[in-house]
C-alpha atoms as a PDB file:
ATOM      1  CA  MET A   1     -42.473   9.963  -0.346  1.00  0.00           C
ATOM      2  CA  SER A   2     -38.999  11.485  -1.152  1.00  0.00           C
ATOM      3  CA  GLY A   3     -39.823  14.048   2.117  1.00  0.00           C
ATOM      4  CA  LEU A   4     -40.384  11.367   3.921  1.00  0.00           C
ATOM      5  CA  ALA A   5     -37.423   9.463   3.014  1.00  0.00           C
ATOM      6  CA  GLY A   6     -35.037  13.058   3.735  1.00  0.00           C
ATOM      7  CA  THR A   7     -36.597  12.882   6.881  1.00  0.00           C
ATOM      8  CA  GLU A   8     -35.751   9.401   7.935  1.00  0.00           C
ATOM      9  CA  ARG A   9     -32.126  10.121   6.564  1.00  0.00           C
ATOM     10  CA  GLY A  10     -32.077  12.778   8.664  1.00  0.00           C
ATOM     11  CA  ARG A  11     -32.636  10.898  11.534  1.00  0.00           C
ATOM     12  CA  TRP A  12     -29.595   8.860  11.009  1.00  0.00           C
ATOM     13  CA  ALA A  13     -27.410  12.037  10.179  1.00  0.00           C
ATOM     14  CA  GLY A  14     -26.883  14.046  13.579  1.00  0.00           C
ATOM     15  CA  GLY A  15     -26.555  13.648  16.741  1.00  0.00           C
ATOM     16  CA  GLY A  16     -29.503  14.632  17.832  1.00  0.00           C
ATOM     17  CA  ASN A  17     -31.206  10.617  16.274  1.00  0.00           C
ATOM     18  CA  ALA A  18     -29.163   9.031  18.567  1.00  0.00           C
ATOM     19  CA  SER A  19     -32.705   7.065  20.348  1.00  0.00           C
ATOM     20  CA  TYR A  20     -33.442   6.391  17.043  1.00  0.00           C
ATOM     21  CA  LYS A  21     -30.307   3.908  16.680  1.00  0.00           C
ATOM     22  CA  ALA A  22     -30.805   2.066  19.823  1.00  0.00           C
ATOM     23  CA  GLU A  23     -34.185   1.898  18.756  1.00  0.00           C
ATOM     24  CA  ARG A  24     -33.539   0.235  15.945  1.00  0.00           C
ATOM     25  CA  ILE A  25     -30.684  -1.953  17.638  1.00  0.00           C
ATOM     26  CA  ALA A  26     -32.307  -2.934  20.301  1.00  0.00           C
ATOM     27  CA  GLN A  27     -35.839  -3.570  18.735  1.00  0.00           C
ATOM     28  CA  ASN A  28     -33.836  -6.277  15.886  1.00  0.00           C
ATOM     29  CA  SER A  29     -35.818  -9.176  17.106  1.00  0.00           C
ATOM     30  CA  VAL A  30     -33.203 -11.898  17.635  1.00  0.00           C
ATOM     31  CA  PHE A  31     -30.982  -9.375  19.531  1.00  0.00           C
ATOM     32  CA  GLU A  32     -34.188  -8.376  21.663  1.00  0.00           C
ATOM     33  CA  ARG A  33     -35.246 -11.918  22.122  1.00  0.00           C
ATOM     34  CA  PHE A  34     -31.784 -13.174  23.803  1.00  0.00           C
ATOM     35  CA  ALA A  35     -31.631  -9.871  25.223  1.00  0.00           C
ATOM     36  CA  ARG A  36     -34.994 -10.448  26.806  1.00  0.00           C
ATOM     37  CA  ALA A  37     -33.093 -14.434  27.902  1.00  0.00           C
ATOM     38  CA  GLY A  38     -30.779 -12.115  29.980  1.00  0.00           C
ATOM     39  CA  PHE A  39     -33.615 -11.853  32.400  1.00  0.00           C
ATOM     40  CA  VAL A  40     -34.978 -15.402  32.620  1.00  0.00           C
ATOM     41  CA  MET A  41     -31.431 -16.058  33.087  1.00  0.00           C
ATOM     42  CA  THR A  42     -31.237 -13.999  36.060  1.00  0.00           C
ATOM     43  CA  GLY A  43     -34.168 -14.897  37.290  1.00  0.00           C
ATOM     44  CA  ILE A  44     -33.054 -18.884  37.355  1.00  0.00           C
ATOM     45  CA  VAL A  45     -29.736 -17.503  39.653  1.00  0.00           C
ATOM     46  CA  HIS A  46     -32.194 -15.810  42.091  1.00  0.00           C
ATOM     47  CA  LEU A  47     -34.294 -18.871  42.433  1.00  0.00           C
ATOM     48  CA  PHE A  48     -31.019 -20.988  42.900  1.00  0.00           C
ATOM     49  CA  VAL A  49     -29.581 -18.312  45.081  1.00  0.00           C
ATOM     50  CA  GLY A  50     -32.875 -18.489  47.202  1.00  0.00           C
ATOM     51  CA  TYR A  51     -33.041 -22.324  47.596  1.00  0.00           C
ATOM     52  CA  ILE A  52     -29.505 -22.417  48.613  1.00  0.00           C
ATOM     53  CA  ALA A  53     -29.796 -19.925  51.565  1.00  0.00           C
ATOM     54  CA  ILE A  54     -32.944 -21.815  52.631  1.00  0.00           C
ATOM     55  CA  ARG A  55     -30.967 -24.983  52.540  1.00  0.00           C
ATOM     56  CA  ILE A  56     -28.371 -23.617  54.677  1.00  0.00           C
ATOM     57  CA  ALA A  57     -30.983 -22.280  57.158  1.00  0.00           C
ATOM     58  CA  LEU A  58     -32.495 -25.422  57.458  1.00  0.00           C
ATOM     59  CA  GLY A  59     -29.229 -27.515  58.247  1.00  0.00           C
ATOM     60  CA  GLY A  60     -29.056 -28.949  54.432  1.00  0.00           C
ATOM     61  CA  ARG A  61     -26.037 -29.341  52.347  1.00  0.00           C
ATOM     62  CA  GLY A  62     -23.745 -26.364  52.194  1.00  0.00           C
ATOM     63  CA  GLY A  63     -22.710 -24.566  49.232  1.00  0.00           C
ATOM     64  CA  ASN A  64     -21.993 -20.821  47.981  1.00  0.00           C
ATOM     65  CA  ALA A  65     -25.521 -18.609  48.548  1.00  0.00           C
ATOM     66  CA  ASP A  66     -24.557 -16.461  45.566  1.00  0.00           C
ATOM     67  CA  GLN A  67     -24.286 -16.303  41.486  1.00  0.00           C
ATOM     68  CA  SER A  68     -20.971 -18.771  41.143  1.00  0.00           C
ATOM     69  CA  GLY A  69     -23.014 -20.954  44.146  1.00  0.00           C
ATOM     70  CA  ALA A  70     -26.108 -20.625  41.945  1.00  0.00           C
ATOM     71  CA  LEU A  71     -24.450 -21.381  38.428  1.00  0.00           C
ATOM     72  CA  ALA A  72     -22.286 -24.239  40.344  1.00  0.00           C
ATOM     73  CA  GLU A  73     -25.887 -25.905  41.320  1.00  0.00           C
ATOM     74  CA  LEU A  74     -27.135 -25.131  37.890  1.00  0.00           C
ATOM     75  CA  ALA A  75     -24.646 -26.759  35.845  1.00  0.00           C
ATOM     76  CA  SER A  76     -24.957 -29.749  38.049  1.00  0.00           C
ATOM     77  CA  LYS A  77     -28.089 -30.498  36.885  1.00  0.00           C
ATOM     78  CA  PRO A  78     -28.755 -32.477  33.892  1.00  0.00           C
ATOM     79  CA  GLY A  79     -28.744 -30.484  30.732  1.00  0.00           C
ATOM     80  CA  GLY A  80     -26.715 -27.791  33.124  1.00  0.00           C
ATOM     81  CA  ILE A  81     -24.029 -27.490  30.560  1.00  0.00           C
ATOM     82  CA  ILE A  82     -26.258 -26.636  27.837  1.00  0.00           C
ATOM     83  CA  ALA A  83     -27.909 -23.843  30.308  1.00  0.00           C
ATOM     84  CA  MET A  84     -24.790 -22.600  30.866  1.00  0.00           C
ATOM     85  CA  TRP A  85     -24.395 -21.945  27.319  1.00  0.00           C
ATOM     86  CA  PHE A  86     -27.106 -20.472  26.712  1.00  0.00           C
ATOM     87  CA  GLY A  87     -26.531 -18.237  29.965  1.00  0.00           C
ATOM     88  CA  VAL A  88     -23.183 -17.227  27.971  1.00  0.00           C
ATOM     89  CA  VAL A  89     -25.144 -16.250  25.248  1.00  0.00           C
ATOM     90  CA  ALA A  90     -28.363 -14.417  27.132  1.00  0.00           C
ATOM     91  CA  PHE A  91     -26.110 -12.281  29.686  1.00  0.00           C
ATOM     92  CA  LEU A  92     -23.647 -11.233  26.867  1.00  0.00           C
ATOM     93  CA  LEU A  93     -26.262  -9.792  24.531  1.00  0.00           C
ATOM     94  CA  MET A  94     -28.223  -8.544  28.056  1.00  0.00           C
ATOM     95  CA  ALA A  95     -24.692  -6.532  28.365  1.00  0.00           C
ATOM     96  CA  LEU A  96     -24.537  -5.231  24.949  1.00  0.00           C
ATOM     97  CA  TRP A  97     -28.320  -4.068  25.064  1.00  0.00           C
ATOM     98  CA  ARG A  98     -26.995  -2.099  28.100  1.00  0.00           C
ATOM     99  CA  LEU A  99     -23.834  -1.149  26.214  1.00  0.00           C
ATOM    100  CA  THR A 100     -26.197   0.663  23.704  1.00  0.00           C
ATOM    101  CA  GLU A 101     -28.250   2.382  26.297  1.00  0.00           C
ATOM    102  CA  ALA A 102     -25.030   3.882  27.347  1.00  0.00           C
ATOM    103  CA  VAL A 103     -24.123   4.823  23.975  1.00  0.00           C
ATOM    104  CA  PHE A 104     -27.101   5.681  22.193  1.00  0.00           C
ATOM    105  CA  GLY A 105     -29.771   6.905  24.748  1.00  0.00           C
ATOM    106  CA  SER A 106     -32.468   4.621  25.918  1.00  0.00           C
ATOM    107  CA  ALA A 107     -35.544   4.507  23.131  1.00  0.00           C
ATOM    108  CA  SER A 108     -38.016   4.405  25.444  1.00  0.00           C
ATOM    109  CA  LYS A 109     -37.078   7.398  27.753  1.00  0.00           C
ATOM    110  CA  PRO A 110     -39.495  10.718  27.739  1.00  0.00           C
ATOM    111  CA  ASP A 111     -38.779  13.285  25.290  1.00  0.00           C
ATOM    112  CA  ALA A 112     -38.947  15.588  28.373  1.00  0.00           C
ATOM    113  CA  ASP A 113     -36.338  14.057  30.592  1.00  0.00           C
ATOM    114  CA  SER A 114     -33.886  16.239  31.929  1.00  0.00           C
ATOM    115  CA  THR A 115     -29.975  16.237  31.355  1.00  0.00           C
ATOM    116  CA  LYS A 116     -29.379  14.812  35.189  1.00  0.00           C
ATOM    117  CA  LYS A 117     -32.107  12.022  34.649  1.00  0.00           C
ATOM    118  CA  GLU A 118     -29.996  11.392  31.263  1.00  0.00           C
ATOM    119  CA  VAL A 119     -26.839  10.974  32.529  1.00  0.00           C
ATOM    120  CA  PHE A 120     -27.430   8.742  35.596  1.00  0.00           C
ATOM    121  CA  ARG A 121     -29.512   6.547  33.204  1.00  0.00           C
ATOM    122  CA  ARG A 122     -26.396   6.279  31.119  1.00  0.00           C
ATOM    123  CA  VAL A 123     -24.243   5.402  34.034  1.00  0.00           C
ATOM    124  CA  LYS A 124     -26.904   3.181  35.196  1.00  0.00           C
ATOM    125  CA  ALA A 125     -26.454   1.631  31.840  1.00  0.00           C
ATOM    126  CA  VAL A 126     -23.192   1.268  31.940  1.00  0.00           C
ATOM    127  CA  ALA A 127     -23.075  -0.725  35.532  1.00  0.00           C
ATOM    128  CA  LEU A 128     -25.742  -3.056  34.467  1.00  0.00           C
ATOM    129  CA  ALA A 129     -23.662  -3.823  31.464  1.00  0.00           C
ATOM    130  CA  VAL A 130     -20.600  -4.448  33.888  1.00  0.00           C
ATOM    131  CA  ILE A 131     -22.701  -6.888  36.017  1.00  0.00           C
ATOM    132  CA  TYR A 132     -24.389  -8.757  32.650  1.00  0.00           C
ATOM    133  CA  PHE A 133     -20.477  -9.076  31.305  1.00  0.00           C
ATOM    134  CA  LEU A 134     -19.356 -10.687  34.758  1.00  0.00           C
ATOM    135  CA  PHE A 135     -22.364 -12.805  34.712  1.00  0.00           C
ATOM    136  CA  ALA A 136     -21.623 -13.994  31.053  1.00  0.00           C
ATOM    137  CA  LEU A 137     -18.172 -14.768  32.278  1.00  0.00           C
ATOM    138  CA  SER A 138     -19.043 -16.481  34.781  1.00  0.00           C
ATOM    139  CA  ALA A 139     -21.089 -18.696  33.309  1.00  0.00           C
ATOM    140  CA  PHE A 140     -18.571 -19.031  30.548  1.00  0.00           C
ATOM    141  CA  GLY A 141     -16.387 -20.629  33.296  1.00  0.00           C
ATOM    142  CA  PHE A 142     -18.590 -23.110  34.489  1.00  0.00           C
ATOM    143  CA  ALA A 143     -19.902 -24.139  31.104  1.00  0.00           C
ATOM    144  CA  ARG A 144     -15.885 -25.186  30.535  1.00  0.00           C
ATOM    145  CA  GLY A 145     -16.166 -27.033  33.853  1.00  0.00           C
ATOM    146  CA  SER A 146     -13.683 -24.040  35.333  1.00  0.00           C
ATOM    147  CA  GLY A 147     -16.010 -22.004  37.404  1.00  0.00           C
ATOM    148  CA  LYS A 148     -14.745 -20.412  40.552  1.00  0.00           C
ATOM    149  CA  SER A 149     -16.479 -19.142  43.840  1.00  0.00           C
ATOM    150  CA  ASN A 150     -16.953 -15.266  43.681  1.00  0.00           C
ATOM    151  CA  SER A 151     -16.670 -15.283  47.560  1.00  0.00           C
ATOM    152  CA  GLU A 152     -12.606 -16.937  47.226  1.00  0.00           C
ATOM    153  CA  LYS A 153     -12.164 -14.068  44.690  1.00  0.00           C
ATOM    154  CA  SER A 154     -13.634 -10.861  46.256  1.00  0.00           C
ATOM    155  CA  THR A 155     -12.248 -12.211  49.651  1.00  0.00           C
ATOM    156  CA  GLY A 156      -8.981 -12.683  47.916  1.00  0.00           C
ATOM    157  CA  LEU A 157      -8.817  -9.235  45.872  1.00  0.00           C
ATOM    158  CA  THR A 158      -9.981  -7.402  49.346  1.00  0.00           C
ATOM    159  CA  GLY A 159      -7.166  -8.669  51.275  1.00  0.00           C
ATOM    160  CA  ARG A 160      -4.460  -7.691  48.703  1.00  0.00           C
ATOM    161  CA  LEU A 161      -6.161  -4.303  48.352  1.00  0.00           C
ATOM    162  CA  MET A 162      -5.869  -3.797  52.232  1.00  0.00           C
ATOM    163  CA  GLN A 163      -2.314  -3.776  52.254  1.00  0.00           C
ATOM    164  CA  ASN A 164      -2.122  -0.193  51.422  1.00  0.00           C
ATOM    165  CA  THR A 165      -3.740   3.144  52.216  1.00  0.00           C
ATOM    166  CA  ALA A 166      -5.173   4.090  48.752  1.00  0.00           C
ATOM    167  CA  GLY A 167      -6.751   0.258  48.796  1.00  0.00           C
ATOM    168  CA  THR A 168      -8.027   0.230  52.023  1.00  0.00           C
ATOM    169  CA  VAL A 169      -9.680   3.924  51.333  1.00  0.00           C
ATOM    170  CA  LEU A 170     -10.841   2.477  47.786  1.00  0.00           C
ATOM    171  CA  LEU A 171     -12.481  -0.151  49.730  1.00  0.00           C
ATOM    172  CA  VAL A 172     -14.516   1.865  52.057  1.00  0.00           C
ATOM    173  CA  ILE A 173     -15.679   4.177  48.588  1.00  0.00           C
ATOM    174  CA  VAL A 174     -16.705   0.812  47.035  1.00  0.00           C
ATOM    175  CA  GLY A 175     -18.714  -0.472  50.201  1.00  0.00           C
ATOM    176  CA  LEU A 176     -20.459   2.919  50.270  1.00  0.00           C
ATOM    177  CA  ILE A 177     -21.335   2.612  46.662  1.00  0.00           C
ATOM    178  CA  ILE A 178     -22.774  -0.793  47.351  1.00  0.00           C
ATOM    179  CA  ILE A 179     -24.593   0.083  50.424  1.00  0.00           C
ATOM    180  CA  GLY A 180     -26.209   3.371  47.813  1.00  0.00           C
ATOM    181  CA  VAL A 181     -27.118   1.086  45.710  1.00  0.00           C
ATOM    182  CA  GLY A 182     -29.163  -1.755  47.841  1.00  0.00           C
ATOM    183  CA  GLY A 183     -30.860   1.681  49.276  1.00  0.00           C
ATOM    184  CA  TYR A 184     -31.635   2.581  45.436  1.00  0.00           C
ATOM    185  CA  HIS A 185     -33.270  -0.578  45.009  1.00  0.00           C
ATOM    186  CA  ILE A 186     -35.075  -0.563  48.315  1.00  0.00           C
ATOM    187  CA  TYR A 187     -36.060   3.253  47.712  1.00  0.00           C
ATOM    188  CA  LYS A 188     -37.472   1.463  44.268  1.00  0.00           C
ATOM    189  CA  GLY A 189     -39.100  -1.083  46.013  1.00  0.00           C
ATOM    190  CA  VAL A 190     -41.208   1.133  48.216  1.00  0.00           C
ATOM    191  CA  THR A 191     -42.040   3.936  45.877  1.00  0.00           C
ATOM    192  CA  ARG A 192     -42.780   1.091  43.218  1.00  0.00           C
ATOM    193  CA  ARG A 193     -40.900   3.088  40.628  1.00  0.00           C
ATOM    194  CA  PHE A 194     -39.557  -0.120  39.052  1.00  0.00           C
ATOM    195  CA  LEU A 195     -43.482  -0.155  37.410  1.00  0.00           C
ATOM    196  CA  ARG A 196     -41.654   2.404  34.897  1.00  0.00           C
ATOM    197  CA  ASP A 197     -39.622   0.171  33.439  1.00  0.00           C
ATOM    198  CA  LEU A 198     -42.431  -1.884  32.320  1.00  0.00           C
ATOM    199  CA  HIS A 199     -44.448  -1.250  28.831  1.00  0.00           C
ATOM    200  CA  SER A 200     -48.055  -2.863  30.540  1.00  0.00           C
ATOM    201  CA  ASN A 201     -49.407  -2.058  33.589  1.00  0.00           C
ATOM    202  CA  PRO A 202     -49.354  -5.190  35.498  1.00  0.00           C
ATOM    203  CA  GLY A 203     -51.494  -6.500  37.844  1.00  0.00           C
ATOM    204  CA  THR A 204     -51.522  -6.525  41.806  1.00  0.00           C
ATOM    205  CA  VAL A 205     -49.984  -9.562  41.907  1.00  0.00           C
ATOM    206  CA  VAL A 206     -47.219  -8.247  39.803  1.00  0.00           C
ATOM    207  CA  ARG A 207     -46.602  -5.071  41.885  1.00  0.00           C
ATOM    208  CA  ARG A 208     -46.562  -6.871  45.056  1.00  0.00           C
ATOM    209  CA  LEU A 209     -43.927  -9.153  43.613  1.00  0.00           C
ATOM    210  CA  GLY A 210     -41.626  -6.266  42.376  1.00  0.00           C
ATOM    211  CA  MET A 211     -42.503  -4.318  45.844  1.00  0.00           C
ATOM    212  CA  ALA A 212     -40.696  -7.346  47.855  1.00  0.00           C
ATOM    213  CA  GLY A 213     -38.478  -8.692  45.345  1.00  0.00           C
ATOM    214  CA  TYR A 214     -36.225  -5.302  45.155  1.00  0.00           C
ATOM    215  CA  ILE A 215     -36.957  -4.575  48.616  1.00  0.00           C
ATOM    216  CA  ALA A 216     -34.842  -7.933  49.338  1.00  0.00           C
ATOM    217  CA  LYS A 217     -33.003  -7.715  46.804  1.00  0.00           C
ATOM    218  CA  GLY A 218     -31.684  -3.622  48.324  1.00  0.00           C
ATOM    219  CA  LEU A 219     -31.340  -5.119  51.569  1.00  0.00           C
ATOM    220  CA  ALA A 220     -29.116  -8.098  50.568  1.00  0.00           C
ATOM    221  CA  VAL A 221     -27.184  -5.666  48.509  1.00  0.00           C
ATOM    222  CA  ALA A 222     -26.753  -2.891  51.426  1.00  0.00           C
ATOM    223  CA  ALA A 223     -25.586  -6.016  53.546  1.00  0.00           C
ATOM    224  CA  ILE A 224     -22.539  -6.744  51.476  1.00  0.00           C
ATOM    225  CA  GLY A 225     -21.458  -3.409  50.979  1.00  0.00           C
ATOM    226  CA  LEU A 226     -21.519  -3.205  55.295  1.00  0.00           C
ATOM    227  CA  LEU A 227     -19.477  -5.917  55.160  1.00  0.00           C
ATOM    228  CA  VAL A 228     -17.183  -4.891  53.267  1.00  0.00           C
ATOM    229  CA  ILE A 229     -16.891  -1.646  55.445  1.00  0.00           C
ATOM    230  CA  ILE A 230     -16.220  -4.270  58.560  1.00  0.00           C
ATOM    231  CA  ALA A 231     -13.755  -6.161  56.921  1.00  0.00           C
ATOM    232  CA  VAL A 232     -11.625  -2.896  56.122  1.00  0.00           C
ATOM    233  CA  THR A 233     -12.274  -1.782  59.582  1.00  0.00           C
ATOM    234  CA  ASN A 234     -11.278  -4.520  61.443  1.00  0.00           C
ATOM    235  CA  SER A 235      -8.433  -6.041  59.018  1.00  0.00           C
ATOM    236  CA  GLU A 236     -10.388  -8.660  58.049  1.00  0.00           C
ATOM    237  CA  PRO A 237     -10.869  -9.290  54.400  1.00  0.00           C
ATOM    238  CA  ASP A 238     -12.273 -12.996  54.960  1.00  0.00           C
ATOM    239  CA  LYS A 239     -15.504 -10.775  56.286  1.00  0.00           C
ATOM    240  CA  ALA A 240     -16.032  -9.447  53.020  1.00  0.00           C
ATOM    241  CA  ALA A 241     -17.115 -12.609  50.633  1.00  0.00           C
ATOM    242  CA  GLY A 242     -19.860 -10.655  48.993  1.00  0.00           C
ATOM    243  CA  LEU A 243     -23.656 -12.096  49.083  1.00  0.00           C
ATOM    244  CA  ASP A 244     -22.721 -15.735  50.397  1.00  0.00           C
ATOM    245  CA  GLY A 245     -20.719 -14.260  53.487  1.00  0.00           C
ATOM    246  CA  ALA A 246     -23.659 -11.585  53.863  1.00  0.00           C
ATOM    247  CA  LEU A 247     -26.519 -14.464  54.106  1.00  0.00           C
ATOM    248  CA  LYS A 248     -24.372 -16.457  56.234  1.00  0.00           C
ATOM    249  CA  THR A 249     -23.555 -13.853  58.587  1.00  0.00           C
ATOM    250  CA  LEU A 250     -27.284 -13.210  58.734  1.00  0.00           C
ATOM    251  CA  GLY A 251     -27.822 -16.816  59.630  1.00  0.00           C
ATOM    252  CA  ALA A 252     -25.485 -16.419  62.565  1.00  0.00           C
ATOM    253  CA  GLN A 253     -27.685 -13.762  64.373  1.00  0.00           C
ATOM    254  CA  PRO A 254     -30.203 -14.567  66.661  1.00  0.00           C
ATOM    255  CA  TYR A 255     -33.154 -15.968  65.374  1.00  0.00           C
ATOM    256  CA  GLY A 256     -30.792 -16.042  62.099  1.00  0.00           C
ATOM    257  CA  VAL A 257     -32.580 -19.397  60.880  1.00  0.00           C
ATOM    258  CA  ILE A 258     -36.528 -17.498  60.371  1.00  0.00           C
ATOM    259  CA  LEU A 259     -33.895 -14.029  59.165  1.00  0.00           C
ATOM    260  CA  LEU A 260     -32.401 -16.700  56.668  1.00  0.00           C
ATOM    261  CA  ILE A 261     -35.303 -18.055  55.205  1.00  0.00           C
ATOM    262  CA  ILE A 262     -37.026 -14.767  54.694  1.00  0.00           C
ATOM    263  CA  ALA A 263     -34.036 -13.542  52.896  1.00  0.00           C
ATOM    264  CA  GLY A 264     -33.581 -16.461  51.110  1.00  0.00           C
ATOM    265  CA  LEU A 265     -37.515 -15.955  49.853  1.00  0.00           C
ATOM    266  CA  GLY A 266     -36.911 -12.335  49.103  1.00  0.00           C
ATOM    267  CA  ILE A 267     -34.327 -13.481  46.633  1.00  0.00           C
ATOM    268  CA  ILE A 268     -36.632 -16.204  45.253  1.00  0.00           C
ATOM    269  CA  THR A 269     -39.435 -13.656  44.644  1.00  0.00           C
ATOM    270  CA  TYR A 270     -36.609 -11.128  42.852  1.00  0.00           C
ATOM    271  CA  GLY A 271     -35.837 -14.094  40.574  1.00  0.00           C
ATOM    272  CA  LEU A 272     -39.911 -14.358  40.025  1.00  0.00           C
ATOM    273  CA  TYR A 273     -39.914 -10.771  39.030  1.00  0.00           C
ATOM    274  CA  SER A 274     -36.885 -11.057  36.513  1.00  0.00           C
ATOM    275  CA  PHE A 275     -39.619 -13.723  34.603  1.00  0.00           C
ATOM    276  CA  VAL A 276     -42.316 -10.903  34.433  1.00  0.00           C
ATOM    277  CA  MET A 277     -39.280  -8.023  33.352  1.00  0.00           C
ATOM    278  CA  ALA A 278     -38.279 -10.919  30.804  1.00  0.00           C
ATOM    279  CA  ARG A 279     -41.908 -10.286  29.189  1.00  0.00           C
ATOM    280  CA  HIS A 280     -43.005  -6.787  30.064  1.00  0.00           C
ATOM    281  CA  ALA A 281     -39.412  -4.492  30.431  1.00  0.00           C
ATOM    282  CA  LYS A 282     -39.257  -2.586  27.815  1.00  0.00           C
ATOM    283  CA  MET A 283     -36.565  -2.404  25.398  1.00  0.00           C
END
């Protein structure tokens, strides 16, 4: 027993036990359940974004077809404020879980992973942590009744950055990065690499749901990056209006109604797959 205890202490003593620390943190039952609830809230947000996009395509009441519009829609429903506060906690703990991955490494990664793959995984974890922190901040604003449109904020920020050369260059770089992120989602969907994120082998329905969801999400994200670059090229900051602007621009094209409905259904599909992640994601 003393040898086992010594081994256990040794795992905590040096840099080589980082993944063990991450595992102990992430596998705390309360922490894990609320972190997984972040996937549920992500799914709900995507369902509302897809619903708003389809509603706009069919000529119904408008709104922002993005995360802020989805949260505003949810907050307006009975019990919506309670859902907002739940979302604040869920998004925040999901962000903290991603930070444990970034700092300590993933507890579920293969031991044979190369340094390059590990660096990529940690950078990805930091990016996801930032996104979930922003989700939590946005949900907090709507819970307090002071939520704002992401489209308006992104347009204002783009306009300020375009006032100087350095800001313009930064926007182009950001646009290219966003396109790259979208491309990665598409690649992940086409190659089914998303299955590596699950701790069990799902059925055919789940695989198809994941493929469709990742590809649709990737196309939407890439469109945002493209619009940012177009806005910079044409000196029109109002064109860089995030996901809402990308979807509405799509709807303004020939056969835009059909395209916008397809995009909305794709985003809804990603939302449904997020519920699968809530149960089966490796943590």
